[in-house]
Amino acid sequence: MIIAFDLDGTLVDSARDLTDAVSELVQSYGAPALAVAEVVTMVGEGAAVLVRKALERSALDSAMPGALDRFMQIYDRRLLDHTVAYPGVRESLALAVHRGPLAVLTNKPLGPTIGILDALGLSGFFSRVIGGDSEHGRKPDPAGLRALMALAPGEPIVMVGDSPADAKTAEAANCPFVLARYGFGAAKFGRQPPMTPYVIDHARELSGVIDVIQRGD
């Protein structure tokens, strides 16, 4: 079995660093800082969308020239100030890697994705990492998830994530979706949670859910 993981809100809690970077960006244009609760609702669709939404929320020009590049420079500097792996992630990956290839499928650009995985000692668990700036496009486009199927042709694939983009990606690829309800993106589902029986409230619960999926229960 191939298991594909989202990054932000699934493997790592990056909410504080993303918020600090976004706040520094909008403050550089004269707007006040944004709260974590505001910024996490904007995360999950890639850096360009995050910047556009942050500028709009701050009543700034959403097409501000150079804003995306400025944000990436700020975020690169703040990338690991507070970002950590969620509790139980390392242990869950250590178990999951024995089931088959593991991969990361994220809308975050590849550079900062690799930087986070390397710094947190998680890179060694993954056979492939696909960022949002790849040729496969961004979730919910299922092209990236389908590309990961080449890691073990003929084997089933599972998507683990915390956001609607992850759920829609799994649905488009016709594969099981495991909702990481502990992640900050889960709040974006509101009163309409995804139609999946597979939900975890802690990373350590993943192994049991994968057992259920493999048995076909």
Foldseek 3Di string as FASTA:
>chain_A
DEEEEEPDQFFKPCLVLLQVLLQVLVVVVPFHGDDSLVQLQQPAFAQLSSQLVSCVVRVHDSPPPPSSVSSVVSSVVSLVVPMATFPPNVVLLVVVLVVFAYEYAGQYAPVSVVVVCVVHVNVVSHPYYDYCPDPQHHFPRLSVVVVCCVRPPPDAYEYEYAAPRRLSNCVVVVHAYAHQVCGSRNCNCPPNHRPHPHYDPGSNCVVVSVVCVVVVD
